[in-house]
Amino acid sequence: MQRLAHIVFGLVMIPTVVFAHGFGQTIQQESNGYLLAVDSASETLIAGSAERIGFDITPKVGTGTPAFSHVWIRIMSPDQTLLFAGFIVRSDIGQTGMTFAFPDEGTYEVALRFQDDATIVAEGTFLLPIAAGGTWESTKILQGIALLEFFALTILAVILATRKRTIAG
């Protein structure tokens, strides 16, 4: 029974691992001896959908992350309307980033400036293509899979806990 539980758990968790960060995309450019990158969890950014976008800086040669305290970010719409401008403090754990819902389809301009207090480390401007909304079906399907996984894991946990009590008692 325990082996069956492990197999079921593995099969249920495969979609979670595979789709944990989507297929994603990364756009890079060089600035001041560094590679700047804008990453997204989604392969295609969809208008009207909250999307996680991350900001990275790495040395062009070598490894490690240069010292920076925060990132100044500006997001301009395709018609050059200012949508966001502000600082994001460097994350102590994981990637520095934000969640943002691009309102319409088109190409958005995302300007980044990595700073260490008042010193500019590197800066760059990226063009992010945003697809039209209306593909909510795929989002709903992934949400449905996650919900089914949750219920399957809950049922499995209850079965294992009940079985363990029965064996012990």
N, C-alpha and C. Protein backbone atom coordinates (compact mmCIF):
# COMPACT_ATOMS: atom_id res chain seq x y z
N MET A 1 0.82 -1.20 0.00
CA MET A 1 0.00 0.00 0.00
C MET A 1 0.86 1.26 0.00
N GLN A 2 1.96 1.20 0.77
CA GLN A 2 2.84 2.38 0.83
C GLN A 2 3.47 2.66 -0.53
N ARG A 3 3.81 1.60 -1.24
CA ARG A 3 4.39 1.78 -2.57
C ARG A 3 3.37 2.43 -3.51
N LEU A 4 2.12 1.99 -3.43
CA LEU A 4 1.05 2.58 -4.24
C LEU A 4 0.88 4.06 -3.90
N ALA A 5 0.96 4.38 -2.62
CA ALA A 5 0.84 5.78 -2.20
C ALA A 5 1.96 6.62 -2.80
N HIS A 6 3.18 6.08 -2.82
CA HIS A 6 4.31 6.82 -3.41
C HIS A 6 4.11 7.01 -4.91
N ILE A 7 3.62 6.00 -5.59
CA ILE A 7 3.38 6.10 -7.03
C ILE A 7 2.31 7.14 -7.32
N VAL A 8 1.19 7.09 -6.57
CA VAL A 8 0.11 8.06 -6.76
C VAL A 8 0.61 9.47 -6.48
N PHE A 9 1.36 9.62 -5.39
CA PHE A 9 1.91 10.93 -5.04
C PHE A 9 2.79 11.46 -6.17
N GLY A 10 3.66 10.58 -6.69
CA GLY A 10 4.54 10.98 -7.79
C GLY A 10 3.78 11.40 -9.03
N LEU A 11 2.75 10.65 -9.38
CA LEU A 11 1.96 10.98 -10.57
C LEU A 11 1.19 12.28 -10.39
N VAL A 12 0.70 12.50 -9.18
CA VAL A 12 -0.05 13.73 -8.91
C VAL A 12 0.88 14.93 -8.93
N MET A 13 2.12 14.77 -8.47
CA MET A 13 3.03 15.90 -8.36
C MET A 13 3.74 16.24 -9.66
N ILE A 14 3.77 15.34 -10.64
CA ILE A 14 4.47 15.63 -11.90
C ILE A 14 3.98 16.92 -12.55
N PRO A 15 2.65 17.14 -12.71
CA PRO A 15 2.23 18.41 -13.32
C PRO A 15 2.64 19.63 -12.50
N THR A 16 2.67 19.50 -11.18
CA THR A 16 3.07 20.62 -10.34
C THR A 16 4.52 21.00 -10.59
N VAL A 17 5.39 20.00 -10.68
CA VAL A 17 6.81 20.26 -10.92
C VAL A 17 7.02 20.80 -12.32
N VAL A 18 6.36 20.19 -13.29
CA VAL A 18 6.54 20.59 -14.69
C VAL A 18 6.05 22.00 -14.93
N PHE A 19 4.91 22.37 -14.33
CA PHE A 19 4.32 23.68 -14.59
C PHE A 19 4.59 24.68 -13.47
N ALA A 20 5.56 24.39 -12.59
CA ALA A 20 5.80 25.24 -11.43
C ALA A 20 6.09 26.69 -11.84
N HIS A 21 6.90 26.89 -12.85
CA HIS A 21 7.21 28.24 -13.31
C HIS A 21 6.86 28.41 -14.77
N GLY A 22 5.93 27.62 -15.26
CA GLY A 22 5.59 27.69 -16.67
C GLY A 22 6.82 27.37 -17.49
N PHE A 23 6.84 27.82 -18.72
CA PHE A 23 8.00 27.59 -19.55
C PHE A 23 8.88 28.82 -19.56
N GLY A 24 8.32 29.96 -19.26
CA GLY A 24 9.05 31.19 -19.04
C GLY A 24 9.76 31.76 -20.25
N GLN A 25 10.21 32.97 -20.06
CA GLN A 25 11.02 33.65 -21.07
C GLN A 25 12.00 34.56 -20.35
N THR A 26 13.13 34.80 -21.00
CA THR A 26 14.15 35.69 -20.46
C THR A 26 14.63 36.60 -21.58
N ILE A 27 14.69 37.88 -21.27
CA ILE A 27 15.23 38.87 -22.20
C ILE A 27 16.45 39.47 -21.52
N GLN A 28 17.60 39.46 -22.23
CA GLN A 28 18.84 39.96 -21.64
C GLN A 28 19.44 41.08 -22.47
N GLN A 29 20.25 41.89 -21.79
CA GLN A 29 21.07 42.88 -22.48
C GLN A 29 22.27 43.21 -21.61
N GLU A 30 23.30 43.71 -22.25
CA GLU A 30 24.53 44.05 -21.54
C GLU A 30 24.52 45.51 -21.15
N SER A 31 25.06 45.78 -19.95
CA SER A 31 25.18 47.16 -19.49
C SER A 31 26.32 47.26 -18.49
N ASN A 32 27.29 48.08 -18.78
CA ASN A 32 28.37 48.38 -17.84
C ASN A 32 29.11 47.12 -17.36
N GLY A 33 29.28 46.14 -18.25
CA GLY A 33 29.99 44.92 -17.90
C GLY A 33 29.13 43.86 -17.22
N TYR A 34 27.83 44.10 -17.17
CA TYR A 34 26.90 43.17 -16.55
C TYR A 34 25.86 42.71 -17.58
N LEU A 35 25.27 41.55 -17.31
CA LEU A 35 24.11 41.11 -18.08
C LEU A 35 22.88 41.37 -17.24
N LEU A 36 21.98 42.16 -17.78
CA LEU A 36 20.71 42.43 -17.12
C LEU A 36 19.67 41.52 -17.75
N ALA A 37 18.74 41.05 -16.95
CA ALA A 37 17.71 40.15 -17.47
C ALA A 37 16.36 40.46 -16.85
N VAL A 38 15.34 40.32 -17.69
CA VAL A 38 13.95 40.35 -17.25
C VAL A 38 13.40 38.97 -17.52
N ASP A 39 12.93 38.31 -16.48
CA ASP A 39 12.39 36.95 -16.59
C ASP A 39 10.91 36.96 -16.30
N SER A 40 10.19 36.07 -16.95
CA SER A 40 8.79 35.87 -16.60
C SER A 40 8.54 34.39 -16.44
N ALA A 41 7.61 34.05 -15.57
CA ALA A 41 7.25 32.65 -15.36
C ALA A 41 6.47 32.11 -16.56
N SER A 42 5.76 32.99 -17.26
CA SER A 42 4.95 32.58 -18.40
C SER A 42 5.74 32.73 -19.69
N GLU A 43 5.53 31.81 -20.60
CA GLU A 43 6.17 31.90 -21.91
C GLU A 43 5.60 33.09 -22.67
N THR A 44 4.31 33.30 -22.54
CA THR A 44 3.64 34.42 -23.19
C THR A 44 2.95 35.25 -22.11
N LEU A 45 3.29 36.52 -22.03
CA LEU A 45 2.63 37.41 -21.08
C LEU A 45 1.29 37.83 -21.67
N ILE A 46 0.23 37.72 -20.88
CA ILE A 46 -1.13 37.95 -21.34
C ILE A 46 -1.69 39.23 -20.72
N ALA A 47 -2.27 40.09 -21.54
CA ALA A 47 -2.89 41.32 -21.05
C ALA A 47 -4.00 40.99 -20.06
N GLY A 48 -4.04 41.76 -18.97
CA GLY A 48 -5.08 41.59 -17.97
C GLY A 48 -4.79 40.50 -16.95
N SER A 49 -3.71 39.76 -17.14
CA SER A 49 -3.36 38.67 -16.23
C SER A 49 -2.16 39.10 -15.39
N ALA A 50 -2.27 38.94 -14.09
CA ALA A 50 -1.15 39.29 -13.21
C ALA A 50 0.00 38.34 -13.50
N GLU A 51 1.13 38.90 -13.83
CA GLU A 51 2.30 38.10 -14.22
C GLU A 51 3.48 38.44 -13.31
N ARG A 52 4.19 37.42 -12.91
CA ARG A 52 5.41 37.59 -12.11
C ARG A 52 6.57 37.86 -13.06
N ILE A 53 7.24 39.00 -12.86
CA ILE A 53 8.42 39.30 -13.65
C ILE A 53 9.58 39.54 -12.68
N GLY A 54 10.71 38.94 -13.01
CA GLY A 54 11.88 39.05 -12.16
C GLY A 54 12.98 39.82 -12.84
N PHE A 55 13.87 40.38 -12.03
CA PHE A 55 14.96 41.21 -12.53
C PHE A 55 16.28 40.69 -12.00
N ASP A 56 17.20 40.38 -12.91
CA ASP A 56 18.49 39.82 -12.53
C ASP A 56 19.64 40.65 -13.09
N ILE A 57 20.76 40.59 -12.37
CA ILE A 57 22.00 41.20 -12.84
C ILE A 57 23.12 40.22 -12.50
N THR A 58 23.94 39.92 -13.48
CA THR A 58 25.09 39.04 -13.28
C THR A 58 26.29 39.64 -14.02
N PRO A 59 27.50 39.36 -13.54
CA PRO A 59 28.67 39.85 -14.26
C PRO A 59 28.74 39.18 -15.64
N LYS A 60 29.16 39.93 -16.65
CA LYS A 60 29.31 39.35 -17.98
C LYS A 60 30.38 38.27 -17.96
N VAL A 61 31.42 38.47 -17.17
CA VAL A 61 32.48 37.48 -17.00
C VAL A 61 32.53 37.13 -15.51
N GLY A 62 32.55 35.85 -15.22
CA GLY A 62 32.61 35.41 -13.83
C GLY A 62 31.24 35.02 -13.31
N THR A 63 31.19 34.87 -12.01
CA THR A 63 29.95 34.44 -11.37
C THR A 63 29.60 35.37 -10.22
N GLY A 64 28.47 35.09 -9.62
CA GLY A 64 28.04 35.88 -8.47
C GLY A 64 27.08 36.98 -8.87
N THR A 65 26.60 37.67 -7.88
CA THR A 65 25.68 38.79 -8.08
C THR A 65 26.34 40.04 -7.55
N PRO A 66 26.39 41.09 -8.34
CA PRO A 66 27.01 42.33 -7.86
C PRO A 66 26.18 42.95 -6.73
N ALA A 67 26.85 43.76 -5.95
CA ALA A 67 26.16 44.44 -4.85
C ALA A 67 25.17 45.45 -5.41
N PHE A 68 23.92 45.32 -4.99
CA PHE A 68 22.92 46.34 -5.28
C PHE A 68 21.89 46.29 -4.16
N SER A 69 21.34 47.45 -3.83
CA SER A 69 20.37 47.52 -2.73
C SER A 69 18.93 47.51 -3.22
N HIS A 70 18.73 48.02 -4.44
CA HIS A 70 17.38 48.09 -4.97
C HIS A 70 17.40 48.26 -6.49
N VAL A 71 16.24 48.08 -7.08
CA VAL A 71 16.07 48.28 -8.52
C VAL A 71 15.01 49.34 -8.72
N TRP A 72 15.33 50.35 -9.50
CA TRP A 72 14.32 51.32 -9.90
C TRP A 72 13.71 50.81 -11.19
N ILE A 73 12.40 50.82 -11.27
CA ILE A 73 11.69 50.26 -12.42
C ILE A 73 10.69 51.28 -12.94
N ARG A 74 10.62 51.38 -14.28
CA ARG A 74 9.60 52.21 -14.93
C ARG A 74 8.96 51.36 -16.01
N ILE A 75 7.63 51.32 -16.02
CA ILE A 75 6.90 50.58 -17.05
C ILE A 75 6.04 51.57 -17.83
N MET A 76 6.27 51.60 -19.15
CA MET A 76 5.52 52.49 -20.04
C MET A 76 4.65 51.63 -20.97
N SER A 77 3.43 52.08 -21.19
CA SER A 77 2.52 51.36 -22.09
C SER A 77 2.93 51.58 -23.54
N PRO A 78 2.31 50.83 -24.46
CA PRO A 78 2.63 51.02 -25.88
C PRO A 78 2.42 52.46 -26.37
N ASP A 79 1.47 53.19 -25.75
CA ASP A 79 1.23 54.58 -26.15
C ASP A 79 2.02 55.57 -25.28
N GLN A 80 3.06 55.04 -24.56
CA GLN A 80 3.98 55.83 -23.73
C GLN A 80 3.30 56.47 -22.51
N THR A 81 2.27 55.84 -21.99
CA THR A 81 1.66 56.26 -20.73
C THR A 81 2.42 55.59 -19.60
N LEU A 82 2.77 56.37 -18.58
CA LEU A 82 3.48 55.83 -17.44
C LEU A 82 2.52 54.97 -16.61
N LEU A 83 2.87 53.69 -16.43
CA LEU A 83 2.03 52.77 -15.65
C LEU A 83 2.60 52.50 -14.27
N PHE A 84 3.91 52.50 -14.16
CA PHE A 84 4.55 52.25 -12.87
C PHE A 84 5.93 52.87 -12.88
N ALA A 85 6.30 53.48 -11.77
CA ALA A 85 7.67 53.95 -11.56
C ALA A 85 7.94 53.88 -10.08
N GLY A 86 8.98 53.18 -9.71
CA GLY A 86 9.30 53.07 -8.29
C GLY A 86 10.43 52.11 -8.04
N PHE A 87 10.78 52.01 -6.76
CA PHE A 87 11.88 51.17 -6.34
C PHE A 87 11.37 49.84 -5.80
N ILE A 88 12.13 48.80 -6.02
CA ILE A 88 11.89 47.50 -5.40
C ILE A 88 13.18 47.12 -4.69
N VAL A 89 13.08 46.83 -3.43
CA VAL A 89 14.24 46.46 -2.63
C VAL A 89 14.72 45.08 -3.04
N ARG A 90 16.02 44.89 -3.05
CA ARG A 90 16.62 43.60 -3.40
C ARG A 90 16.09 42.52 -2.47
N SER A 91 15.70 41.41 -3.05
CA SER A 91 15.20 40.28 -2.28
C SER A 91 16.34 39.52 -1.62
N ASP A 92 16.18 39.21 -0.34
CA ASP A 92 17.19 38.42 0.36
C ASP A 92 17.14 36.96 -0.05
N ILE A 93 15.94 36.49 -0.41
CA ILE A 93 15.75 35.10 -0.81
C ILE A 93 15.08 35.09 -2.17
N GLY A 94 15.64 34.37 -3.11
CA GLY A 94 15.03 34.27 -4.43
C GLY A 94 15.32 35.49 -5.29
N GLN A 95 14.57 35.57 -6.36
CA GLN A 95 14.79 36.61 -7.36
C GLN A 95 14.05 37.90 -7.00
N THR A 96 14.70 39.02 -7.21
CA THR A 96 14.05 40.31 -7.04
C THR A 96 13.06 40.48 -8.18
N GLY A 97 11.84 40.88 -7.87
CA GLY A 97 10.85 41.03 -8.92
C GLY A 97 9.55 41.58 -8.40
N MET A 98 8.55 41.52 -9.26
CA MET A 98 7.24 42.05 -8.92
C MET A 98 6.16 41.33 -9.72
N THR A 99 4.94 41.47 -9.29
CA THR A 99 3.80 40.97 -10.03
C THR A 99 3.10 42.18 -10.62
N PHE A 100 2.78 42.10 -11.91
CA PHE A 100 2.19 43.24 -12.60
C PHE A 100 1.18 42.74 -13.62
N ALA A 101 0.06 43.44 -13.74
CA ALA A 101 -0.94 43.11 -14.76
C ALA A 101 -0.86 44.16 -15.86
N PHE A 102 -0.37 43.76 -17.01
CA PHE A 102 -0.31 44.67 -18.16
C PHE A 102 -1.73 44.83 -18.68
N PRO A 103 -2.24 46.06 -18.81
CA PRO A 103 -3.66 46.24 -19.10
C PRO A 103 -4.09 45.86 -20.52
N ASP A 104 -3.24 46.05 -21.50
CA ASP A 104 -3.63 45.81 -22.90
C ASP A 104 -2.50 45.10 -23.63
N GLU A 105 -2.84 44.56 -24.80
CA GLU A 105 -1.79 43.95 -25.62
C GLU A 105 -0.90 45.03 -26.22
N GLY A 106 0.29 44.65 -26.64
CA GLY A 106 1.21 45.59 -27.25
C GLY A 106 2.61 45.38 -26.69
N THR A 107 3.52 46.26 -27.07
CA THR A 107 4.90 46.18 -26.61
C THR A 107 5.12 47.25 -25.54
N TYR A 108 5.47 46.79 -24.36
CA TYR A 108 5.69 47.67 -23.22
C TYR A 108 7.18 47.90 -23.03
N GLU A 109 7.53 49.08 -22.56
CA GLU A 109 8.92 49.43 -22.29
C GLU A 109 9.15 49.32 -20.78
N VAL A 110 10.10 48.48 -20.40
CA VAL A 110 10.44 48.31 -18.99
C VAL A 110 11.89 48.77 -18.81
N ALA A 111 12.05 49.85 -18.06
CA ALA A 111 13.38 50.38 -17.78
C ALA A 111 13.80 49.94 -16.39
N LEU A 112 15.04 49.45 -16.27
CA LEU A 112 15.60 49.00 -14.99
C LEU A 112 16.86 49.79 -14.68
N ARG A 113 17.02 50.09 -13.42
CA ARG A 113 18.28 50.70 -12.97
C ARG A 113 18.64 50.04 -11.63
N PHE A 114 19.67 49.20 -11.67
CA PHE A 114 20.16 48.56 -10.46
C PHE A 114 21.04 49.56 -9.72
N GLN A 115 20.74 49.80 -8.44
CA GLN A 115 21.48 50.78 -7.67
C GLN A 115 21.97 50.17 -6.37
N ASP A 116 23.14 50.62 -5.93
CA ASP A 116 23.64 50.31 -4.61
C ASP A 116 23.62 51.62 -3.84
N ASP A 117 22.56 51.80 -3.08
CA ASP A 117 22.23 53.09 -2.45
C ASP A 117 22.08 54.13 -3.57
N ALA A 118 22.92 55.16 -3.60
CA ALA A 118 22.78 56.20 -4.63
C ALA A 118 23.62 55.92 -5.87
N THR A 119 24.47 54.89 -5.84
CA THR A 119 25.35 54.58 -6.96
C THR A 119 24.64 53.70 -7.98
N ILE A 120 24.65 54.12 -9.24
CA ILE A 120 24.06 53.31 -10.31
C ILE A 120 25.05 52.22 -10.69
N VAL A 121 24.62 50.96 -10.60
CA VAL A 121 25.47 49.82 -10.94
C VAL A 121 25.35 49.53 -12.43
N ALA A 122 24.12 49.43 -12.93
CA ALA A 122 23.86 49.18 -14.35
C ALA A 122 22.40 49.52 -14.63
N GLU A 123 22.13 49.85 -15.89
CA GLU A 123 20.74 50.16 -16.26
C GLU A 123 20.49 49.76 -17.70
N GLY A 124 19.21 49.52 -18.01
CA GLY A 124 18.85 49.12 -19.35
C GLY A 124 17.35 49.23 -19.56
N THR A 125 16.96 49.18 -20.82
CA THR A 125 15.55 49.26 -21.18
C THR A 125 15.20 48.04 -22.01
N PHE A 126 14.09 47.41 -21.68
CA PHE A 126 13.64 46.19 -22.33
C PHE A 126 12.27 46.40 -22.96
N LEU A 127 12.03 45.74 -24.07
CA LEU A 127 10.71 45.77 -24.71
C LEU A 127 10.04 44.42 -24.48
N LEU A 128 8.91 44.44 -23.79
CA LEU A 128 8.19 43.21 -23.48
C LEU A 128 6.92 43.12 -24.32
N PRO A 129 6.80 42.08 -25.13
CA PRO A 129 5.57 41.89 -25.90
C PRO A 129 4.49 41.27 -25.01
N ILE A 130 3.31 41.86 -25.04
CA ILE A 130 2.18 41.37 -24.25
C ILE A 130 1.08 40.96 -25.23
N ALA A 131 0.63 39.72 -25.09
CA ALA A 131 -0.41 39.17 -25.99
C ALA A 131 -1.78 39.60 -25.51
N ALA A 132 -2.73 39.55 -26.43
CA ALA A 132 -4.12 39.89 -26.10
C ALA A 132 -4.65 38.92 -25.07
N GLY A 133 -5.55 39.40 -24.24
CA GLY A 133 -6.21 38.54 -23.26
C GLY A 133 -7.16 37.59 -23.97
N GLY A 134 -7.96 36.91 -23.20
CA GLY A 134 -8.94 36.01 -23.80
C GLY A 134 -8.50 34.58 -23.86
N THR A 135 -7.32 34.28 -23.34
CA THR A 135 -6.88 32.88 -23.29
C THR A 135 -7.06 32.35 -21.87
N TRP A 136 -8.11 32.77 -21.22
CA TRP A 136 -8.36 32.35 -19.85
C TRP A 136 -8.63 30.86 -19.75
N GLU A 137 -8.96 30.21 -20.86
CA GLU A 137 -9.25 28.78 -20.81
C GLU A 137 -8.03 28.01 -20.30
N SER A 138 -6.84 28.33 -20.81
CA SER A 138 -5.64 27.60 -20.39
C SER A 138 -5.36 27.87 -18.92
N THR A 139 -5.59 29.09 -18.46
CA THR A 139 -5.39 29.40 -17.05
C THR A 139 -6.36 28.61 -16.20
N LYS A 140 -7.61 28.53 -16.63
CA LYS A 140 -8.62 27.78 -15.88
C LYS A 140 -8.28 26.29 -15.85
N ILE A 141 -7.74 25.76 -16.94
CA ILE A 141 -7.37 24.35 -16.98
C ILE A 141 -6.25 24.09 -15.97
N LEU A 142 -5.22 24.95 -15.94
CA LEU A 142 -4.13 24.78 -14.99
C LEU A 142 -4.62 24.93 -13.55
N GLN A 143 -5.56 25.86 -13.31
CA GLN A 143 -6.13 26.00 -11.98
C GLN A 143 -6.91 24.75 -11.60
N GLY A 144 -7.62 24.17 -12.57
CA GLY A 144 -8.37 22.94 -12.33
C GLY A 144 -7.44 21.78 -11.98
N ILE A 145 -6.32 21.68 -12.69
CA ILE A 145 -5.34 20.63 -12.40
C ILE A 145 -4.79 20.81 -10.99
N ALA A 146 -4.47 22.05 -10.62
CA ALA A 146 -3.94 22.31 -9.28
C ALA A 146 -4.97 21.95 -8.22
N LEU A 147 -6.23 22.27 -8.47
CA LEU A 147 -7.29 21.94 -7.51
C LEU A 147 -7.45 20.43 -7.38
N LEU A 148 -7.42 19.71 -8.50
CA LEU A 148 -7.50 18.25 -8.45
C LEU A 148 -6.32 17.66 -7.69
N GLU A 149 -5.13 18.21 -7.92
CA GLU A 149 -3.95 17.74 -7.19
C GLU A 149 -4.12 17.95 -5.70
N PHE A 150 -4.63 19.10 -5.31
CA PHE A 150 -4.84 19.40 -3.90
C PHE A 150 -5.79 18.38 -3.28
N PHE A 151 -6.92 18.13 -3.94
CA PHE A 151 -7.88 17.16 -3.41
C PHE A 151 -7.29 15.75 -3.37
N ALA A 152 -6.56 15.37 -4.40
CA ALA A 152 -5.95 14.03 -4.42
C ALA A 152 -4.94 13.88 -3.29
N LEU A 153 -4.13 14.90 -3.06
CA LEU A 153 -3.16 14.83 -1.98
C LEU A 153 -3.83 14.82 -0.61
N THR A 154 -4.91 15.57 -0.46
CA THR A 154 -5.66 15.58 0.79
C THR A 154 -6.26 14.21 1.07
N ILE A 155 -6.88 13.62 0.06
CA ILE A 155 -7.47 12.29 0.21
C ILE A 155 -6.38 11.28 0.53
N LEU A 156 -5.27 11.35 -0.15
CA LEU A 156 -4.16 10.43 0.09
C LEU A 156 -3.64 10.58 1.52
N ALA A 157 -3.51 11.81 2.00
CA ALA A 157 -3.04 12.05 3.37
C ALA A 157 -4.01 11.47 4.39
N VAL A 158 -5.31 11.65 4.15
CA VAL A 158 -6.32 11.10 5.06
C VAL A 158 -6.25 9.57 5.06
N ILE A 159 -6.13 8.96 3.89
CA ILE A 159 -6.04 7.50 3.79
C ILE A 159 -4.82 6.98 4.54
N LEU A 160 -3.67 7.63 4.32
CA LEU A 160 -2.44 7.18 4.98
C LEU A 160 -2.52 7.38 6.49
N ALA A 161 -3.08 8.49 6.94
CA ALA A 161 -3.20 8.75 8.36
C ALA A 161 -4.16 7.73 9.01
N THR A 162 -5.27 7.44 8.35
CA THR A 162 -6.24 6.49 8.86
C THR A 162 -5.62 5.10 8.91
N ARG A 163 -4.92 4.74 7.86
CA ARG A 163 -4.28 3.41 7.79
C ARG A 163 -3.22 3.26 8.88
N LYS A 164 -2.46 4.33 9.14
CA LYS A 164 -1.42 4.28 10.15
C LYS A 164 -2.04 4.10 11.52
N ARG A 165 -3.16 4.77 11.81
CA ARG A 165 -3.86 4.64 13.09
C ARG A 165 -4.41 3.23 13.25
N THR A 166 -4.94 2.67 12.15
CA THR A 166 -5.51 1.32 12.19
C THR A 166 -4.43 0.29 12.50
N ILE A 167 -3.27 0.43 11.88
CA ILE A 167 -2.16 -0.50 12.09
C ILE A 167 -1.63 -0.36 13.51
N ALA A 168 -1.49 0.89 13.99
CA ALA A 168 -0.95 1.15 15.32
C ALA A 168 -1.93 0.72 16.42
N GLY A 169 -3.21 0.82 16.16
CA GLY A 169 -4.23 0.53 17.19
C GLY A 169 -4.68 -0.83 17.11
